[in-house]
Structure formats: structure tokens, C-alpha cells
Amino acid sequence: MFQRVTLRLLHHPFTRAANVVWMLEEIEQPYELEYVDVMGGQHKQPDFKAKNRMGKLPTLIDGDVVATESAAIALYLADRYALGRLAPTPDSPDRATYLRWAFYAPSVIEPGCAANSSKWEFSPGSVGWGTYAEMLDTISGAIGDGPWLLGEQFTMADVVFGGTVRWMTQFGMLERRPEYMSYVERLNERPAWLKAKAINDRIAHERGLDQKR
């Protein structure tokens, strides 16, 4: 049966939009990718900034809806297209934990890693991410016995949180604790992740981007 494609991702494989391809594969809905020439500054042009004033990727278009910011896109997609499967329903007792870890990645892990690697001077009590050591232990606690953040149920929070842990350990901004790496290994076995990685790698190769790194 023909399905009309309404999901369109403004995309570049070397941006956070690459992780949104994984999200789109997980929800199992048809979508299109529209390449954005980031190196050429296309994302800073007026027509792009009319969709996203930050001039950044990812930017997702779903019919008349424009969604930006990776975690917000993740929650939007899960609620709209995979509620109950990739997102706990609003009346589920797991909903709060799901939201906690989905927001923890951009609001704590990313700035916490940046602060640690750049040796920022700040009072831990005055910033949302606290201390680096507490953040590391909190990540360990979130992963717990696994296999996923909500135990046996894989959710979109794992895409956001896990994608961040993968990225930060890959580039040495997070300790490679055994529990972190075991979690990343499980994420790397997801069929949707493998499809998304192949798509991003193919686009990077077709555009000659893999030779510019």
C-alpha cells in the first residue's frame, strides 16, 4: 500500500542529524533526507533560518510541523509514531524516568563533558550539570543492569542518551567504563542503528566527505 511521505529531515552526515536518521529508522515510517551543504554555509542562509533560527541541524519537517533540537525531535517522533513501543504512555509509571534520561543527555552530559575537557571554572552548585564525577556515576546508575534505561524495554531515550554516550566515549570526553562500553555495544547491534549508519556512511562517501575528514 502506498504511503505518503511527510517526514523530511534536513541532513548532513557529520552533524547531529545523523542520529536522527537512527530515530527515523526506529519508528519504521517512510522519510526523505534533504542534504544541506554545511561546509558551504547553506544552513546559515535566510531560507534555512526561516525554518530554524539557530541555523543548525537537525531540523525535521513533518507536514506543517517543524521540529528542531535532537532530544525534542526524538520525543516528538516517539510520541507521534511509536507511543507505547518507543515511548511510555503518559499514564505509565516509567514515563518520568524516560523523560529524565532523554533530557539528561543534552542538559547534563554534553555541557558536563565540554566543561571538563575545556577546564571551565565554575561553581558546581550554580550550573545544571554539577560535577563531572557525579555525572559519571549517574550515567553508570542509569545504565544499571540494563539492557536498556527502562530495563527490558528499549525506548527513544536510549537513542538520545545512548547516542551521546557513544559519541563522548568515542572521542575521549567520557571515561570508557565497562558498563558504558557494554551499553554502546548493545546499541550498536540495533538493526535500525546499523541501517542508519550505512545511510550516513553512503551519503558521506557519495558527497566526498569521507575524504575531507
Protein backbone atom coordinates (compact mmCIF):
# COMPACT_ATOMS: atom_id res chain seq x y z
CA MET A 1 0.00 0.00 0.00
CA PHE A 2 1.34 3.44 -0.95
CA GLN A 3 2.35 5.63 1.98
CA ARG A 4 2.67 9.37 1.54
CA VAL A 5 5.98 10.60 2.89
CA THR A 6 5.51 13.53 5.25
CA LEU A 7 8.75 13.24 7.22
CA ARG A 8 11.66 15.17 5.76
CA LEU A 9 14.97 15.57 7.56
CA LEU A 10 17.34 18.39 6.64
CA HIS A 11 20.51 16.40 6.90
CA HIS A 12 24.26 16.27 6.86
CA PRO A 13 26.00 13.05 7.94
CA PHE A 14 28.60 14.83 10.08
CA THR A 15 26.06 16.63 12.28
CA ARG A 16 23.57 15.56 14.95
CA ALA A 17 21.15 14.93 12.10
CA ALA A 18 22.98 11.61 11.67
CA ASN A 19 21.47 10.43 14.97
CA VAL A 20 18.00 11.50 13.82
CA VAL A 21 18.33 9.06 10.91
CA TRP A 22 18.59 6.36 13.58
CA MET A 23 15.43 7.73 15.23
CA LEU A 24 13.60 7.63 11.91
CA GLU A 25 14.67 4.04 11.31
CA GLU A 26 13.44 3.05 14.77
CA ILE A 27 9.93 4.44 14.21
CA GLU A 28 9.65 2.47 10.94
CA GLN A 29 7.99 5.27 8.97
CA PRO A 30 8.90 6.43 5.44
CA TYR A 31 11.04 9.56 5.31
CA GLU A 32 13.19 11.63 3.00
CA LEU A 33 16.60 13.18 3.54
CA GLU A 34 17.41 16.61 2.15
CA TYR A 35 21.14 17.25 2.03
CA VAL A 36 22.30 20.55 3.50
CA ASP A 37 25.72 21.84 2.42
CA VAL A 38 27.03 22.72 5.88
CA MET A 39 30.58 23.26 4.62
CA GLY A 40 29.21 25.81 2.17
CA GLY A 41 27.14 27.59 4.81
CA GLN A 42 23.74 26.64 3.43
CA HIS A 43 22.39 26.24 6.99
CA LYS A 44 23.05 29.94 7.65
CA GLN A 45 21.12 31.21 4.65
CA PRO A 46 17.76 33.01 5.11
CA ASP A 47 15.63 30.22 3.62
CA PHE A 48 17.09 27.70 6.07
CA LYS A 49 16.96 30.05 9.06
CA ALA A 50 13.29 30.66 8.33
CA LYS A 51 12.82 27.04 9.47
CA ASN A 52 15.37 27.09 12.29
CA ARG A 53 16.55 30.45 13.60
CA MET A 54 19.64 28.81 15.11
CA GLY A 55 20.79 27.83 11.61
CA LYS A 56 21.61 24.34 12.83
CA LEU A 57 20.92 20.71 12.12
CA PRO A 58 18.96 18.61 12.81
CA THR A 59 15.78 20.19 11.51
CA LEU A 60 12.83 17.89 10.88
CA ILE A 61 9.75 18.72 8.83
CA ASP A 62 6.60 16.64 9.29
CA GLY A 63 3.88 18.11 7.14
CA ASP A 64 3.21 21.54 8.65
CA VAL A 65 5.30 20.79 11.75
CA VAL A 66 8.91 21.91 12.07
CA ALA A 67 10.87 20.31 14.90
CA THR A 68 14.41 21.20 15.98
CA GLU A 69 16.80 20.11 18.76
CA SER A 70 17.73 16.42 18.83
CA ALA A 71 16.04 15.44 22.08
CA ALA A 72 12.84 17.30 21.17
CA ILE A 73 12.77 15.58 17.77
CA ALA A 74 13.27 12.21 19.43
CA LEU A 75 10.39 12.67 21.86
CA TYR A 76 8.14 14.07 19.14
CA LEU A 77 8.76 11.12 16.83
CA ALA A 78 8.32 8.52 19.57
CA ASP A 79 5.10 10.05 20.88
CA ARG A 80 3.57 10.53 17.46
CA TYR A 81 4.67 7.34 15.72
CA ALA A 82 5.66 4.78 18.36
CA LEU A 83 3.80 5.61 21.59
CA GLY A 84 3.83 2.57 23.84
CA ARG A 85 6.68 0.98 21.90
CA LEU A 86 9.48 3.58 21.90
CA ALA A 87 7.88 5.90 24.46
CA PRO A 88 5.94 5.03 27.62
CA THR A 89 2.38 6.32 27.55
CA PRO A 90 1.63 9.44 29.62
CA ASP A 91 -0.03 7.37 32.36
CA SER A 92 2.85 4.90 32.60
CA PRO A 93 4.99 4.99 35.79
CA ASP A 94 8.04 4.69 33.50
CA ARG A 95 7.28 7.98 31.75
CA ALA A 96 9.17 10.15 34.25
CA THR A 97 12.32 8.01 34.05
CA TYR A 98 12.10 8.03 30.25
CA LEU A 99 11.89 11.83 30.15
CA ARG A 100 14.64 12.18 32.75
CA TRP A 101 17.26 10.34 30.71
CA ALA A 102 16.17 11.81 27.38
CA PHE A 103 16.78 15.30 28.76
CA TYR A 104 19.84 14.33 30.79
CA ALA A 105 21.97 13.83 27.68
CA PRO A 106 21.77 17.39 26.24
CA SER A 107 21.34 19.22 29.55
CA VAL A 108 23.97 17.41 31.65
CA ILE A 109 26.23 15.04 29.69
CA GLU A 110 27.05 17.38 26.79
CA PRO A 111 27.81 20.53 28.83
CA GLY A 112 29.41 18.46 31.59
CA CYS A 113 31.84 16.88 29.13
CA ALA A 114 32.54 20.23 27.47
CA ALA A 115 33.21 21.86 30.83
CA ASN A 116 35.56 19.08 31.89
CA SER A 117 37.53 18.92 28.64
CA SER A 118 37.81 22.71 28.37
CA LYS A 119 38.59 23.07 32.08
CA TRP A 120 35.93 25.69 32.68
CA GLU A 121 35.93 27.35 36.07
CA PHE A 122 32.50 27.36 37.71
CA SER A 123 30.68 26.55 40.91
CA PRO A 124 29.03 23.11 40.57
CA GLY A 125 26.10 24.36 42.60
CA SER A 126 25.36 27.14 40.11
CA VAL A 127 25.21 25.02 36.94
CA GLY A 128 22.75 22.35 35.94
CA TRP A 129 25.33 19.67 35.25
CA GLY A 130 27.09 19.69 38.66
CA THR A 131 30.42 17.89 38.91
CA TYR A 132 31.96 15.62 36.30
CA ALA A 133 32.47 12.81 38.86
CA GLU A 134 28.81 12.88 39.91
CA MET A 135 27.77 12.86 36.27
CA LEU A 136 29.87 9.75 35.57
CA ASP A 137 28.33 7.88 38.49
CA THR A 138 24.84 8.98 37.47
CA ILE A 139 25.38 7.60 33.96
CA SER A 140 26.53 4.31 35.48
CA GLY A 141 23.43 4.22 37.66
CA ALA A 142 21.16 4.96 34.70
CA ILE A 143 22.59 2.07 32.70
CA GLY A 144 22.42 -0.20 35.73
CA ASP A 145 21.89 -3.86 34.89
CA GLY A 146 20.35 -2.92 31.54
CA PRO A 147 19.99 -3.89 28.93
CA TRP A 148 18.26 -0.52 28.45
CA LEU A 149 17.45 2.53 30.51
CA LEU A 150 13.97 1.15 31.26
CA GLY A 151 15.19 -2.39 31.74
CA GLU A 152 13.88 -4.74 29.08
CA GLN A 153 12.13 -2.01 27.05
CA PHE A 154 14.25 -0.13 24.52
CA THR A 155 12.96 3.43 24.09
CA MET A 156 13.84 6.62 22.28
CA ALA A 157 15.60 7.74 25.45
CA ASP A 158 18.25 5.11 24.65
CA VAL A 159 18.74 6.71 21.23
CA VAL A 160 19.32 10.15 22.78
CA PHE A 161 21.21 9.12 25.93
CA GLY A 162 23.00 6.18 24.33
CA GLY A 163 23.93 8.12 21.23
CA THR A 164 25.54 10.75 23.45
CA VAL A 165 27.43 8.15 25.49
CA ARG A 166 28.65 6.53 22.26
CA TRP A 167 29.87 9.84 20.85
CA MET A 168 31.54 11.06 24.05
CA THR A 169 33.37 7.78 24.70
CA GLN A 170 34.46 7.60 21.06
CA PHE A 171 36.16 10.98 21.30
CA GLY A 172 37.57 10.53 24.79
CA MET A 173 35.27 13.01 26.54
CA LEU A 174 33.81 10.32 28.79
CA GLU A 175 35.64 7.59 30.64
CA ARG A 176 35.30 4.26 28.88
CA ARG A 177 33.82 2.49 31.88
CA PRO A 178 32.96 -1.17 31.26
CA GLU A 179 29.24 -0.56 31.77
CA TYR A 180 29.33 2.31 29.27
CA MET A 181 31.03 0.24 26.61
CA SER A 182 28.77 -2.78 27.11
CA TYR A 183 25.78 -0.48 26.69
CA VAL A 184 27.26 1.00 23.50
CA GLU A 185 27.89 -2.50 22.15
CA ARG A 186 24.22 -3.35 22.66
CA LEU A 187 23.18 -0.14 20.92
CA ASN A 188 25.48 -0.95 18.01
CA GLU A 189 23.61 -4.21 17.44
CA ARG A 190 20.27 -2.48 16.87
CA PRO A 191 19.13 -3.12 13.26
CA ALA A 192 17.88 0.47 13.00
CA TRP A 193 21.27 1.80 14.08
CA LEU A 194 23.05 -0.38 11.53
CA LYS A 195 20.72 0.87 8.75
CA ALA A 196 21.21 4.48 9.81
CA LYS A 197 24.98 4.11 9.94
CA ALA A 198 25.00 2.61 6.43
CA ILE A 199 22.88 5.51 5.14
CA ASN A 200 25.10 8.15 6.73
CA ASP A 201 28.26 6.43 5.52
CA ARG A 202 26.88 6.14 1.99
CA ILE A 203 25.96 9.82 1.81
CA ALA A 204 29.33 10.84 3.22
CA HIS A 205 31.04 8.73 0.55
CA GLU A 206 28.84 9.97 -2.31
CA ARG A 207 29.49 13.57 -1.32
CA GLY A 208 33.22 13.00 -0.93
CA LEU A 209 33.03 13.96 2.72
CA ASP A 210 34.83 10.88 3.97
CA GLN A 211 37.95 12.14 2.18
CA LYS A 212 37.82 15.53 3.88
CA ARG A 213 37.98 14.28 7.45
